[in-house]
Amino acid sequence: MSSRATGLRAVSLLLLSGCLAVLAAADSSVVEHPFLGVTHTIRTGGPPEFPRNVRIHVVSIDLTAPSLSFRLTPPGGSRDVARLSTLDYLKQQHAQIAINAHFFMPFPSEDLNADVIGLAASDGVVFSPFELPQQNYAIDRDAPAINIDGANHAGIVTRAHGFSDGNCFLCVTNDGTHIQEPVKLWNAFAGSGQIITNGVNTVPCYADEIHPDCKLAGPGPGNYSNSHSWFSLNNARSVIGLSRDNRTLILFTVDRANGSDGMSLPEVADLLLKDYGGYNALNMDGGGSTTLVMENPATHVPAIVNSSSDNPNGRVVATSLAVFAAPMPVSK
């Protein structure tokens, strides 16, 4: 190699290193405490493993905080629920924080009545069972759920062994709502799959000859497989998780709009494990559904705090989780 070529290569490597350093330096966080027991982290940029532009919101909620409660969208309409934007749901409930939750069908559709996909309960009323979804290329069969009871005890719940997945149309009663854990379903919500399980990255995989126990079924509309997974696409994401002691609820969003490039779910799982104490976590409906809403603690005016990739007011979704939190005490 000529000395000129060697010099050009050295300059190229130096420029590349400089670009990566700039991108890494752009990784910064602003931490706020808008309500009692609530920490809101706004992060721009990502760790060196994926040096690209992202905008992330992480809301950590201390489940032992006083005057804290939750409510999932209740059943209604001619299907499971009547669709409502997460912003409108927060306003309706007079809550302080809300995040979108379940995947739903039909979609895309102008119909404001929707069937939620997976286990759902609101204030103790169970209105959707575990199931085998039509979109099994992206949503696990019998996907686990998070349940938060009336005393704010939270945990992962799973389908009880030996019971239907909710598609037993000839059954006298629908038995797809039995859970393995000895808890009462109160506010329960499922996503497309569990991406962190007991501190391990467990992003769902596709059943094939090498992975016969995986739950996803390709190829789906995107010709998906373990080498081209729906979960590996960079997109806007909504994830809800729990800390190891189940005393902290974690609400996570990342945008794919306004200069934020989105993330894959393996990246999200690794980031929650590494930086935010995630020990169990579910992937909720993402893309244009990703919406995080928060009331301004000073003016009490609610607003979408992330950047929706659907429209400025956020998509009209099936369910959202509302969080009712007390104001921070005024220091004397």
C-alpha atoms as a PDB file:
ATOM      1  CA  MET A   1       0.000   0.000   0.000  1.00  0.00           C
ATOM      2  CA  SER A   2       1.393   3.430  -0.964  1.00  0.00           C
ATOM      3  CA  SER A   3       2.120   6.047   1.669  1.00  0.00           C
ATOM      4  CA  ARG A   4      -0.634   8.201   0.137  1.00  0.00           C
ATOM      5  CA  ALA A   5      -3.195   5.388   0.446  1.00  0.00           C
ATOM      6  CA  THR A   6      -2.041   4.708   3.978  1.00  0.00           C
ATOM      7  CA  GLY A   7      -2.484   8.359   4.830  1.00  0.00           C
ATOM      8  CA  LEU A   8      -5.973   8.491   3.303  1.00  0.00           C
ATOM      9  CA  ARG A   9      -6.981   5.377   5.230  1.00  0.00           C
ATOM     10  CA  ALA A  10      -5.706   6.918   8.458  1.00  0.00           C
ATOM     11  CA  VAL A  11      -7.656  10.114   7.777  1.00  0.00           C
ATOM     12  CA  SER A  12     -10.826   8.099   7.031  1.00  0.00           C
ATOM     13  CA  LEU A  13     -10.488   6.154  10.259  1.00  0.00           C
ATOM     14  CA  LEU A  14      -9.905   9.371  12.169  1.00  0.00           C
ATOM     15  CA  LEU A  15     -12.997  10.968  10.644  1.00  0.00           C
ATOM     16  CA  LEU A  16     -15.089   7.874  11.403  1.00  0.00           C
ATOM     17  CA  SER A  17     -13.855   7.839  14.995  1.00  0.00           C
ATOM     18  CA  GLY A  18     -14.664  11.519  15.271  1.00  0.00           C
ATOM     19  CA  CYS A  19     -18.212  10.984  13.943  1.00  0.00           C
ATOM     20  CA  LEU A  20     -18.823   8.147  16.397  1.00  0.00           C
ATOM     21  CA  ALA A  21     -17.436  10.264  19.233  1.00  0.00           C
ATOM     22  CA  VAL A  22     -19.778  13.119  18.330  1.00  0.00           C
ATOM     23  CA  LEU A  23     -22.753  10.753  18.196  1.00  0.00           C
ATOM     24  CA  ALA A  24     -21.796   9.176  21.514  1.00  0.00           C
ATOM     25  CA  ALA A  25     -21.355  12.607  23.066  1.00  0.00           C
ATOM     26  CA  ALA A  26     -24.889  13.471  21.949  1.00  0.00           C
ATOM     27  CA  ASP A  27     -26.194  10.792  24.322  1.00  0.00           C
ATOM     28  CA  SER A  28     -27.579  12.945  27.140  1.00  0.00           C
ATOM     29  CA  SER A  29     -30.378  12.756  29.679  1.00  0.00           C
ATOM     30  CA  VAL A  30     -32.604  15.230  31.493  1.00  0.00           C
ATOM     31  CA  VAL A  31     -34.189  13.917  34.695  1.00  0.00           C
ATOM     32  CA  GLU A  32     -37.388  15.360  36.154  1.00  0.00           C
ATOM     33  CA  HIS A  33     -39.600  14.499  39.148  1.00  0.00           C
ATOM     34  CA  PRO A  34     -43.062  15.717  38.085  1.00  0.00           C
ATOM     35  CA  PHE A  35     -45.133  13.794  40.662  1.00  0.00           C
ATOM     36  CA  LEU A  36     -44.669  11.993  43.938  1.00  0.00           C
ATOM     37  CA  GLY A  37     -42.842   8.719  43.291  1.00  0.00           C
ATOM     38  CA  VAL A  38     -42.395   9.485  39.570  1.00  0.00           C
ATOM     39  CA  THR A  39     -39.078  10.014  37.769  1.00  0.00           C
ATOM     40  CA  HIS A  40     -39.177  11.109  34.127  1.00  0.00           C
ATOM     41  CA  THR A  41     -35.976  10.727  32.100  1.00  0.00           C
ATOM     42  CA  ILE A  42     -35.736  12.295  28.642  1.00  0.00           C
ATOM     43  CA  ARG A  43     -32.805  10.814  26.758  1.00  0.00           C
ATOM     44  CA  THR A  44     -31.453  11.851  23.388  1.00  0.00           C
ATOM     45  CA  GLY A  45     -28.947   9.674  21.631  1.00  0.00           C
ATOM     46  CA  GLY A  46     -28.101   6.096  22.443  1.00  0.00           C
ATOM     47  CA  PRO A  47     -25.147   4.116  23.793  1.00  0.00           C
ATOM     48  CA  PRO A  48     -22.196   3.382  21.471  1.00  0.00           C
ATOM     49  CA  GLU A  49     -23.748   0.052  20.474  1.00  0.00           C
ATOM     50  CA  PHE A  50     -26.206   1.912  18.223  1.00  0.00           C
ATOM     51  CA  PRO A  51     -24.765   5.370  17.510  1.00  0.00           C
ATOM     52  CA  ARG A  52     -27.732   7.023  15.823  1.00  0.00           C
ATOM     53  CA  ASN A  53     -30.283   9.674  16.682  1.00  0.00           C
ATOM     54  CA  VAL A  54     -32.987   8.511  19.090  1.00  0.00           C
ATOM     55  CA  ARG A  55     -35.271  10.255  21.562  1.00  0.00           C
ATOM     56  CA  ILE A  56     -36.330   8.167  24.528  1.00  0.00           C
ATOM     57  CA  HIS A  57     -38.687   8.730  27.467  1.00  0.00           C
ATOM     58  CA  VAL A  58     -38.453   6.582  30.592  1.00  0.00           C
ATOM     59  CA  VAL A  59     -40.989   7.029  33.393  1.00  0.00           C
ATOM     60  CA  SER A  60     -40.084   5.128  36.562  1.00  0.00           C
ATOM     61  CA  ILE A  61     -42.944   4.861  39.062  1.00  0.00           C
ATOM     62  CA  ASP A  62     -42.414   3.867  42.684  1.00  0.00           C
ATOM     63  CA  LEU A  63     -45.363   1.561  43.359  1.00  0.00           C
ATOM     64  CA  THR A  64     -45.081   2.207  47.094  1.00  0.00           C
ATOM     65  CA  ALA A  65     -45.680   5.954  46.709  1.00  0.00           C
ATOM     66  CA  PRO A  66     -48.793   7.278  48.487  1.00  0.00           C
ATOM     67  CA  SER A  67     -51.932   8.297  46.574  1.00  0.00           C
ATOM     68  CA  LEU A  68     -50.895   6.276  43.515  1.00  0.00           C
ATOM     69  CA  SER A  69     -53.367   4.282  41.416  1.00  0.00           C
ATOM     70  CA  PHE A  70     -53.895   2.908  37.911  1.00  0.00           C
ATOM     71  CA  ARG A  71     -56.687   2.172  35.469  1.00  0.00           C
ATOM     72  CA  LEU A  72     -56.643   0.417  32.114  1.00  0.00           C
ATOM     73  CA  THR A  73     -59.218   1.423  29.508  1.00  0.00           C
ATOM     74  CA  PRO A  74     -62.472  -0.347  30.520  1.00  0.00           C
ATOM     75  CA  PRO A  75     -64.568  -2.484  28.160  1.00  0.00           C
ATOM     76  CA  GLY A  76     -67.126  -0.735  25.980  1.00  0.00           C
ATOM     77  CA  GLY A  77     -68.573  -0.385  22.517  1.00  0.00           C
ATOM     78  CA  SER A  78     -69.714  -3.208  20.270  1.00  0.00           C
ATOM     79  CA  ARG A  79     -66.430  -5.148  20.581  1.00  0.00           C
ATOM     80  CA  ASP A  80     -64.010  -5.229  23.525  1.00  0.00           C
ATOM     81  CA  VAL A  81     -63.444  -1.480  23.755  1.00  0.00           C
ATOM     82  CA  ALA A  82     -64.290   1.854  22.179  1.00  0.00           C
ATOM     83  CA  ARG A  83     -61.101   3.355  20.746  1.00  0.00           C
ATOM     84  CA  LEU A  84     -59.777   6.607  22.159  1.00  0.00           C
ATOM     85  CA  SER A  85     -56.460   8.417  21.856  1.00  0.00           C
ATOM     86  CA  THR A  86     -54.174   8.141  24.864  1.00  0.00           C
ATOM     87  CA  LEU A  87     -54.375  11.925  25.306  1.00  0.00           C
ATOM     88  CA  ASP A  88     -58.179  11.876  25.332  1.00  0.00           C
ATOM     89  CA  TYR A  89     -58.185   8.926  27.734  1.00  0.00           C
ATOM     90  CA  LEU A  90     -55.940  10.814  30.170  1.00  0.00           C
ATOM     91  CA  LYS A  91     -58.251  13.836  29.955  1.00  0.00           C
ATOM     92  CA  GLN A  92     -61.338  11.666  30.450  1.00  0.00           C
ATOM     93  CA  GLN A  93     -59.844  10.002  33.522  1.00  0.00           C
ATOM     94  CA  HIS A  94     -58.236  13.179  34.935  1.00  0.00           C
ATOM     95  CA  ALA A  95     -55.007  11.201  35.251  1.00  0.00           C
ATOM     96  CA  GLN A  96     -51.455  12.536  35.396  1.00  0.00           C
ATOM     97  CA  ILE A  97     -49.692  10.049  33.069  1.00  0.00           C
ATOM     98  CA  ALA A  98     -50.872   7.616  30.382  1.00  0.00           C
ATOM     99  CA  ILE A  99     -49.251   5.279  27.871  1.00  0.00           C
ATOM    100  CA  ASN A 100     -50.801   3.221  25.082  1.00  0.00           C
ATOM    101  CA  ALA A 101     -51.096  -0.510  25.710  1.00  0.00           C
ATOM    102  CA  HIS A 102     -52.679  -3.379  23.707  1.00  0.00           C
ATOM    103  CA  PHE A 103     -52.395  -4.289  20.062  1.00  0.00           C
ATOM    104  CA  PHE A 104     -55.859  -4.384  18.509  1.00  0.00           C
ATOM    105  CA  MET A 105     -58.006  -5.365  15.537  1.00  0.00           C
ATOM    106  CA  PRO A 106     -59.344  -4.411  13.083  1.00  0.00           C
ATOM    107  CA  PHE A 107     -56.441  -2.285  11.912  1.00  0.00           C
ATOM    108  CA  PRO A 108     -56.144  -0.223   9.837  1.00  0.00           C
ATOM    109  CA  SER A 109     -59.808   0.729  10.152  1.00  0.00           C
ATOM    110  CA  GLU A 110     -62.023   3.733  10.770  1.00  0.00           C
ATOM    111  CA  ASP A 111     -64.140   1.587  13.092  1.00  0.00           C
ATOM    112  CA  LEU A 112     -63.898   2.976  16.608  1.00  0.00           C
ATOM    113  CA  ASN A 113     -64.868  -0.393  18.111  1.00  0.00           C
ATOM    114  CA  ALA A 114     -61.928  -2.732  18.588  1.00  0.00           C
ATOM    115  CA  ASP A 115     -60.963  -6.168  19.842  1.00  0.00           C
ATOM    116  CA  VAL A 116     -57.877  -6.059  22.025  1.00  0.00           C
ATOM    117  CA  ILE A 117     -55.288  -8.784  21.519  1.00  0.00           C
ATOM    118  CA  GLY A 118     -54.343 -10.718  24.629  1.00  0.00           C
ATOM    119  CA  LEU A 119     -55.286 -10.701  28.282  1.00  0.00           C
ATOM    120  CA  ALA A 120     -57.004  -7.521  29.483  1.00  0.00           C
ATOM    121  CA  ALA A 121     -58.661  -6.470  32.735  1.00  0.00           C
ATOM    122  CA  SER A 122     -59.810  -3.112  34.055  1.00  0.00           C
ATOM    123  CA  ASP A 123     -60.708  -2.571  37.713  1.00  0.00           C
ATOM    124  CA  GLY A 124     -61.165  -6.310  38.167  1.00  0.00           C
ATOM    125  CA  VAL A 125     -63.310  -6.850  35.047  1.00  0.00           C
ATOM    126  CA  VAL A 126     -61.550  -9.328  32.738  1.00  0.00           C
ATOM    127  CA  PHE A 127     -62.714  -8.662  29.182  1.00  0.00           C
ATOM    128  CA  SER A 128     -60.155 -10.292  26.862  1.00  0.00           C
ATOM    129  CA  PRO A 129     -58.508 -13.730  27.141  1.00  0.00           C
ATOM    130  CA  PHE A 130     -55.140 -15.174  26.287  1.00  0.00           C
ATOM    131  CA  GLU A 131     -55.243 -16.066  22.598  1.00  0.00           C
ATOM    132  CA  LEU A 132     -53.595 -17.185  19.383  1.00  0.00           C
ATOM    133  CA  PRO A 133     -53.612 -13.924  17.367  1.00  0.00           C
ATOM    134  CA  GLN A 134     -53.978 -13.644  13.628  1.00  0.00           C
ATOM    135  CA  GLN A 135     -50.707 -11.697  13.633  1.00  0.00           C
ATOM    136  CA  ASN A 136     -48.698 -14.605  15.077  1.00  0.00           C
ATOM    137  CA  TYR A 137     -45.727 -13.443  12.980  1.00  0.00           C
ATOM    138  CA  ALA A 138     -45.445 -10.517  15.450  1.00  0.00           C
ATOM    139  CA  ILE A 139     -47.488 -11.413  18.549  1.00  0.00           C
ATOM    140  CA  ASP A 140     -46.812 -14.440  20.737  1.00  0.00           C
ATOM    141  CA  ARG A 141     -49.506 -17.000  21.391  1.00  0.00           C
ATOM    142  CA  ASP A 142     -50.719 -16.596  24.997  1.00  0.00           C
ATOM    143  CA  ALA A 143     -48.419 -13.609  25.519  1.00  0.00           C
ATOM    144  CA  PRO A 144     -47.770 -12.901  29.222  1.00  0.00           C
ATOM    145  CA  ALA A 145     -49.316  -9.829  30.832  1.00  0.00           C
ATOM    146  CA  ILE A 146     -48.522  -7.415  33.657  1.00  0.00           C
ATOM    147  CA  ASN A 147     -51.123  -7.229  36.402  1.00  0.00           C
ATOM    148  CA  ILE A 148     -51.382  -4.371  38.908  1.00  0.00           C
ATOM    149  CA  ASP A 149     -53.819  -5.079  41.729  1.00  0.00           C
ATOM    150  CA  GLY A 150     -55.805  -2.600  43.769  1.00  0.00           C
ATOM    151  CA  ALA A 151     -52.982  -2.265  46.299  1.00  0.00           C
ATOM    152  CA  ASN A 152     -50.418  -1.592  43.527  1.00  0.00           C
ATOM    153  CA  HIS A 153     -48.791  -5.006  43.818  1.00  0.00           C
ATOM    154  CA  ALA A 154     -47.549  -5.785  40.309  1.00  0.00           C
ATOM    155  CA  GLY A 155     -46.182  -8.812  38.528  1.00  0.00           C
ATOM    156  CA  ILE A 156     -46.127 -10.891  35.382  1.00  0.00           C
ATOM    157  CA  VAL A 157     -49.086 -13.231  34.899  1.00  0.00           C
ATOM    158  CA  THR A 158     -49.200 -16.192  32.519  1.00  0.00           C
ATOM    159  CA  ARG A 159     -51.861 -18.554  31.181  1.00  0.00           C
ATOM    160  CA  ALA A 160     -52.631 -21.434  33.517  1.00  0.00           C
ATOM    161  CA  HIS A 161     -51.523 -24.830  32.269  1.00  0.00           C
ATOM    162  CA  GLY A 162     -54.259 -27.019  30.840  1.00  0.00           C
ATOM    163  CA  PHE A 163     -56.622 -24.215  29.900  1.00  0.00           C
ATOM    164  CA  SER A 164     -57.692 -22.902  26.518  1.00  0.00           C
ATOM    165  CA  ASP A 165     -55.877 -20.034  24.829  1.00  0.00           C
ATOM    166  CA  GLY A 166     -59.240 -18.331  24.346  1.00  0.00           C
ATOM    167  CA  ASN A 167     -59.953 -19.730  20.871  1.00  0.00           C
ATOM    168  CA  CYS A 168     -62.058 -22.645  22.051  1.00  0.00           C
ATOM    169  CA  PHE A 169     -65.224 -21.606  20.229  1.00  0.00           C
ATOM    170  CA  LEU A 170     -67.155 -24.757  21.227  1.00  0.00           C
ATOM    171  CA  CYS A 171     -66.503 -24.311  24.944  1.00  0.00           C
ATOM    172  CA  VAL A 172     -69.540 -23.619  27.122  1.00  0.00           C
ATOM    173  CA  THR A 173     -67.579 -20.846  28.838  1.00  0.00           C
ATOM    174  CA  ASN A 174     -64.482 -18.996  27.774  1.00  0.00           C
ATOM    175  CA  ASP A 175     -61.680 -20.430  29.893  1.00  0.00           C
ATOM    176  CA  GLY A 176     -58.849 -18.384  28.374  1.00  0.00           C
ATOM    177  CA  THR A 177     -58.690 -16.079  31.384  1.00  0.00           C
ATOM    178  CA  HIS A 178     -57.172 -18.473  33.912  1.00  0.00           C
ATOM    179  CA  ILE A 179     -53.724 -17.502  35.175  1.00  0.00           C
ATOM    180  CA  GLN A 180     -51.017 -19.574  36.748  1.00  0.00           C
ATOM    181  CA  GLU A 181     -50.140 -17.079  39.485  1.00  0.00           C
ATOM    182  CA  PRO A 182     -52.187 -16.916  42.747  1.00  0.00           C
ATOM    183  CA  VAL A 183     -53.247 -13.283  42.314  1.00  0.00           C
ATOM    184  CA  LYS A 184     -56.460 -11.485  41.396  1.00  0.00           C
ATOM    185  CA  LEU A 185     -56.571  -9.902  37.960  1.00  0.00           C
ATOM    186  CA  TRP A 186     -57.271  -6.201  38.400  1.00  0.00           C
ATOM    187  CA  ASN A 187     -55.613  -3.978  35.804  1.00  0.00           C
ATOM    188  CA  ALA A 188     -53.916  -6.352  33.382  1.00  0.00           C
ATOM    189  CA  PHE A 189     -52.423  -5.725  29.951  1.00  0.00           C
ATOM    190  CA  ALA A 190     -50.561  -7.871  27.429  1.00  0.00           C
ATOM    191  CA  GLY A 191     -48.355  -6.937  24.502  1.00  0.00           C
ATOM    192  CA  SER A 192     -46.746  -8.808  21.644  1.00  0.00           C
ATOM    193  CA  GLY A 193     -44.372 -10.732  23.861  1.00  0.00           C
ATOM    194  CA  GLN A 194     -42.066 -10.652  26.875  1.00  0.00           C
ATOM    195  CA  ILE A 195     -38.768  -9.082  25.812  1.00  0.00           C
ATOM    196  CA  ILE A 196     -37.112  -9.365  29.251  1.00  0.00           C
ATOM    197  CA  THR A 197     -37.722 -12.346  31.530  1.00  0.00           C
ATOM    198  CA  ASN A 198     -36.109 -12.489  34.972  1.00  0.00           C
ATOM    199  CA  GLY A 199     -33.220 -10.271  33.914  1.00  0.00           C
ATOM    200  CA  VAL A 200     -32.577 -11.961  30.568  1.00  0.00           C
ATOM    201  CA  ASN A 201     -33.210 -10.626  27.058  1.00  0.00           C
ATOM    202  CA  THR A 202     -35.998 -12.908  25.745  1.00  0.00           C
ATOM    203  CA  VAL A 203     -37.173 -11.200  22.563  1.00  0.00           C
ATOM    204  CA  PRO A 204     -39.548 -13.730  20.896  1.00  0.00           C
ATOM    205  CA  CYS A 205     -38.309 -15.924  18.054  1.00  0.00           C
ATOM    206  CA  TYR A 206     -39.769 -17.889  15.120  1.00  0.00           C
ATOM    207  CA  ALA A 207     -40.439 -21.623  15.173  1.00  0.00           C
ATOM    208  CA  ASP A 208     -38.182 -23.438  12.694  1.00  0.00           C
ATOM    209  CA  GLU A 209     -36.077 -26.588  12.546  1.00  0.00           C
ATOM    210  CA  ILE A 210     -33.417 -25.080  14.782  1.00  0.00           C
ATOM    211  CA  HIS A 211     -35.874 -23.352  17.153  1.00  0.00           C
ATOM    212  CA  PRO A 212     -38.894 -25.688  17.441  1.00  0.00           C
ATOM    213  CA  ASP A 213     -40.037 -24.204  20.768  1.00  0.00           C
ATOM    214  CA  CYS A 214     -40.324 -20.608  19.574  1.00  0.00           C
ATOM    215  CA  LYS A 215     -43.861 -19.180  19.473  1.00  0.00           C
ATOM    216  CA  LEU A 216     -43.846 -16.870  16.451  1.00  0.00           C
ATOM    217  CA  ALA A 217     -45.008 -18.216  13.079  1.00  0.00           C
ATOM    218  CA  GLY A 218     -43.527 -16.698   9.931  1.00  0.00           C
ATOM    219  CA  PRO A 219     -43.361 -15.562   7.272  1.00  0.00           C
ATOM    220  CA  GLY A 220     -46.233 -13.057   7.589  1.00  0.00           C
ATOM    221  CA  PRO A 221     -46.534 -10.038   5.280  1.00  0.00           C
ATOM    222  CA  GLY A 222     -42.861  -9.094   5.691  1.00  0.00           C
ATOM    223  CA  ASN A 223     -41.378 -12.551   5.016  1.00  0.00           C
ATOM    224  CA  TYR A 224     -40.239 -12.656   8.642  1.00  0.00           C
ATOM    225  CA  SER A 225     -37.877 -15.246  10.093  1.00  0.00           C
ATOM    226  CA  ASN A 226     -35.168 -15.468  12.728  1.00  0.00           C
ATOM    227  CA  SER A 227     -32.771 -13.820  10.273  1.00  0.00           C
ATOM    228  CA  HIS A 228     -35.308 -11.064   9.465  1.00  0.00           C
ATOM    229  CA  SER A 229     -37.437 -10.654  12.574  1.00  0.00           C
ATOM    230  CA  TRP A 230     -40.363  -8.255  12.995  1.00  0.00           C
ATOM    231  CA  PHE A 231     -38.846  -7.532  16.424  1.00  0.00           C
ATOM    232  CA  SER A 232     -35.525  -6.447  14.871  1.00  0.00           C
ATOM    233  CA  LEU A 233     -36.965  -3.577  12.834  1.00  0.00           C
ATOM    234  CA  ASN A 234     -36.151  -0.045  13.971  1.00  0.00           C
ATOM    235  CA  ASN A 235     -39.460   1.527  14.922  1.00  0.00           C
ATOM    236  CA  ALA A 236     -41.249   3.639  17.490  1.00  0.00           C
ATOM    237  CA  ARG A 237     -41.721   1.435  20.566  1.00  0.00           C
ATOM    238  CA  SER A 238     -43.794   1.371  23.751  1.00  0.00           C
ATOM    239  CA  VAL A 239     -42.586  -0.997  26.466  1.00  0.00           C
ATOM    240  CA  ILE A 240     -43.825  -1.508  30.027  1.00  0.00           C
ATOM    241  CA  GLY A 241     -41.647  -3.294  32.552  1.00  0.00           C
ATOM    242  CA  LEU A 242     -40.974  -4.015  36.196  1.00  0.00           C
ATOM    243  CA  SER A 243     -37.917  -3.918  38.425  1.00  0.00           C
ATOM    244  CA  ARG A 244     -36.582  -7.071  40.049  1.00  0.00           C
ATOM    245  CA  ASP A 245     -38.483  -6.449  43.296  1.00  0.00           C
ATOM    246  CA  ASN A 246     -41.696  -5.516  41.397  1.00  0.00           C
ATOM    247  CA  ARG A 247     -41.750  -2.189  43.255  1.00  0.00           C
ATOM    248  CA  THR A 248     -40.979   0.007  40.240  1.00  0.00           C
ATOM    249  CA  LEU A 249     -43.098   0.190  37.107  1.00  0.00           C
ATOM    250  CA  ILE A 250     -41.163   1.342  34.034  1.00  0.00           C
ATOM    251  CA  LEU A 251     -42.865   3.063  31.086  1.00  0.00           C
ATOM    252  CA  PHE A 252     -40.595   3.357  28.029  1.00  0.00           C
ATOM    253  CA  THR A 253     -41.095   4.995  24.649  1.00  0.00           C
ATOM    254  CA  VAL A 254     -38.757   5.701  21.770  1.00  0.00           C
ATOM    255  CA  ASP A 255     -39.816   7.757  18.744  1.00  0.00           C
ATOM    256  CA  ARG A 256     -39.408   7.299  15.053  1.00  0.00           C
ATOM    257  CA  ALA A 257     -40.254  10.874  14.096  1.00  0.00           C
ATOM    258  CA  ASN A 258     -38.788  14.375  14.270  1.00  0.00           C
ATOM    259  CA  GLY A 259     -35.203  13.170  13.880  1.00  0.00           C
ATOM    260  CA  SER A 260     -35.462  10.084  16.112  1.00  0.00           C
ATOM    261  CA  ASP A 261     -34.707   6.866  14.206  1.00  0.00           C
ATOM    262  CA  GLY A 262     -36.437   4.301  16.406  1.00  0.00           C
ATOM    263  CA  MET A 263     -35.000   1.136  17.949  1.00  0.00           C
ATOM    264  CA  SER A 264     -35.223  -2.611  17.568  1.00  0.00           C
ATOM    265  CA  LEU A 265     -36.669  -4.578  20.469  1.00  0.00           C
ATOM    266  CA  PRO A 266     -33.389  -6.388  21.238  1.00  0.00           C
ATOM    267  CA  GLU A 267     -31.849  -2.915  21.622  1.00  0.00           C
ATOM    268  CA  VAL A 268     -34.690  -1.777  23.880  1.00  0.00           C
ATOM    269  CA  ALA A 269     -34.381  -4.876  26.057  1.00  0.00           C
ATOM    270  CA  ASP A 270     -30.624  -4.454  26.420  1.00  0.00           C
ATOM    271  CA  LEU A 271     -30.992  -0.752  27.270  1.00  0.00           C
ATOM    272  CA  LEU A 272     -33.650  -1.400  29.941  1.00  0.00           C
ATOM    273  CA  LEU A 273     -31.493  -4.141  31.450  1.00  0.00           C
ATOM    274  CA  LYS A 274     -28.329  -2.038  31.423  1.00  0.00           C
ATOM    275  CA  ASP A 275     -29.529   1.431  32.371  1.00  0.00           C
ATOM    276  CA  TYR A 276     -33.038   1.380  33.858  1.00  0.00           C
ATOM    277  CA  GLY A 277     -33.345  -1.649  36.119  1.00  0.00           C
ATOM    278  CA  GLY A 278     -35.724  -3.608  33.896  1.00  0.00           C
ATOM    279  CA  TYR A 279     -36.093  -7.213  35.094  1.00  0.00           C
ATOM    280  CA  ASN A 280     -39.297  -8.183  33.289  1.00  0.00           C
ATOM    281  CA  ALA A 281     -40.747  -6.230  30.356  1.00  0.00           C
ATOM    282  CA  LEU A 282     -43.438  -6.496  27.681  1.00  0.00           C
ATOM    283  CA  ASN A 283     -43.504  -4.948  24.235  1.00  0.00           C
ATOM    284  CA  MET A 284     -46.743  -3.019  23.792  1.00  0.00           C
ATOM    285  CA  ASP A 285     -48.278  -1.696  20.567  1.00  0.00           C
ATOM    286  CA  GLY A 286     -45.728   0.533  18.841  1.00  0.00           C
ATOM    287  CA  GLY A 287     -45.246   2.409  15.591  1.00  0.00           C
ATOM    288  CA  GLY A 288     -47.944   5.030  15.168  1.00  0.00           C
ATOM    289  CA  SER A 289     -49.618   3.854  18.389  1.00  0.00           C
ATOM    290  CA  THR A 290     -46.655   4.801  20.587  1.00  0.00           C
ATOM    291  CA  THR A 291     -47.923   7.605  22.825  1.00  0.00           C
ATOM    292  CA  LEU A 292     -46.801   8.909  26.212  1.00  0.00           C
ATOM    293  CA  VAL A 293     -48.956  11.624  27.757  1.00  0.00           C
ATOM    294  CA  MET A 294     -48.260  13.647  30.870  1.00  0.00           C
ATOM    295  CA  GLU A 295     -49.956  16.438  32.739  1.00  0.00           C
ATOM    296  CA  ASN A 296     -47.827  19.519  33.340  1.00  0.00           C
ATOM    297  CA  PRO A 297     -47.496  19.529  37.160  1.00  0.00           C
ATOM    298  CA  ALA A 298     -47.522  23.345  37.279  1.00  0.00           C
ATOM    299  CA  THR A 299     -50.329  24.191  34.835  1.00  0.00           C
ATOM    300  CA  HIS A 300     -52.196  20.838  34.960  1.00  0.00           C
ATOM    301  CA  VAL A 301     -52.423  20.946  31.146  1.00  0.00           C
ATOM    302  CA  PRO A 302     -51.911  17.483  29.595  1.00  0.00           C
ATOM    303  CA  ALA A 303     -49.855  16.965  26.451  1.00  0.00           C
ATOM    304  CA  ILE A 304     -48.170  14.243  24.408  1.00  0.00           C
ATOM    305  CA  VAL A 305     -44.529  14.323  25.468  1.00  0.00           C
ATOM    306  CA  ASN A 306     -43.125  12.053  22.765  1.00  0.00           C
ATOM    307  CA  SER A 307     -43.375  12.642  19.000  1.00  0.00           C
ATOM    308  CA  SER A 308     -46.156  10.595  17.447  1.00  0.00           C
ATOM    309  CA  SER A 309     -45.370   9.017  14.077  1.00  0.00           C
ATOM    310  CA  ASP A 310     -49.107   8.889  13.319  1.00  0.00           C
ATOM    311  CA  ASN A 311     -50.388  12.441  13.828  1.00  0.00           C
ATOM    312  CA  PRO A 312     -49.813  15.340  16.271  1.00  0.00           C
ATOM    313  CA  ASN A 313     -52.785  14.286  18.427  1.00  0.00           C
ATOM    314  CA  GLY A 314     -51.740  10.642  18.562  1.00  0.00           C
ATOM    315  CA  ARG A 315     -53.447   7.583  17.135  1.00  0.00           C
ATOM    316  CA  VAL A 316     -56.877   6.515  18.347  1.00  0.00           C
ATOM    317  CA  VAL A 317     -55.891   3.263  20.108  1.00  0.00           C
ATOM    318  CA  ALA A 318     -57.690   0.420  21.856  1.00  0.00           C
ATOM    319  CA  THR A 319     -56.347   0.698  25.400  1.00  0.00           C
ATOM    320  CA  SER A 320     -54.142   2.946  27.487  1.00  0.00           C
ATOM    321  CA  LEU A 321     -52.862   2.667  31.036  1.00  0.00           C
ATOM    322  CA  ALA A 322     -53.707   5.717  33.149  1.00  0.00           C
ATOM    323  CA  VAL A 323     -51.554   6.639  36.144  1.00  0.00           C
ATOM    324  CA  PHE A 324     -52.972   8.775  38.969  1.00  0.00           C
ATOM    325  CA  ALA A 325     -50.170  10.386  40.969  1.00  0.00           C
ATOM    326  CA  ALA A 326     -50.001  12.993  43.717  1.00  0.00           C
ATOM    327  CA  PRO A 327     -48.211  16.319  43.290  1.00  0.00           C
ATOM    328  CA  MET A 328     -44.740  16.743  44.723  1.00  0.00           C
ATOM    329  CA  PRO A 329     -44.803  18.272  48.204  1.00  0.00           C
ATOM    330  CA  VAL A 330     -43.987  21.951  48.289  1.00  0.00           C
ATOM    331  CA  SER A 331     -40.696  22.571  50.084  1.00  0.00           C
ATOM    332  CA  LYS A 332     -40.783  25.185  52.824  1.00  0.00           C
END
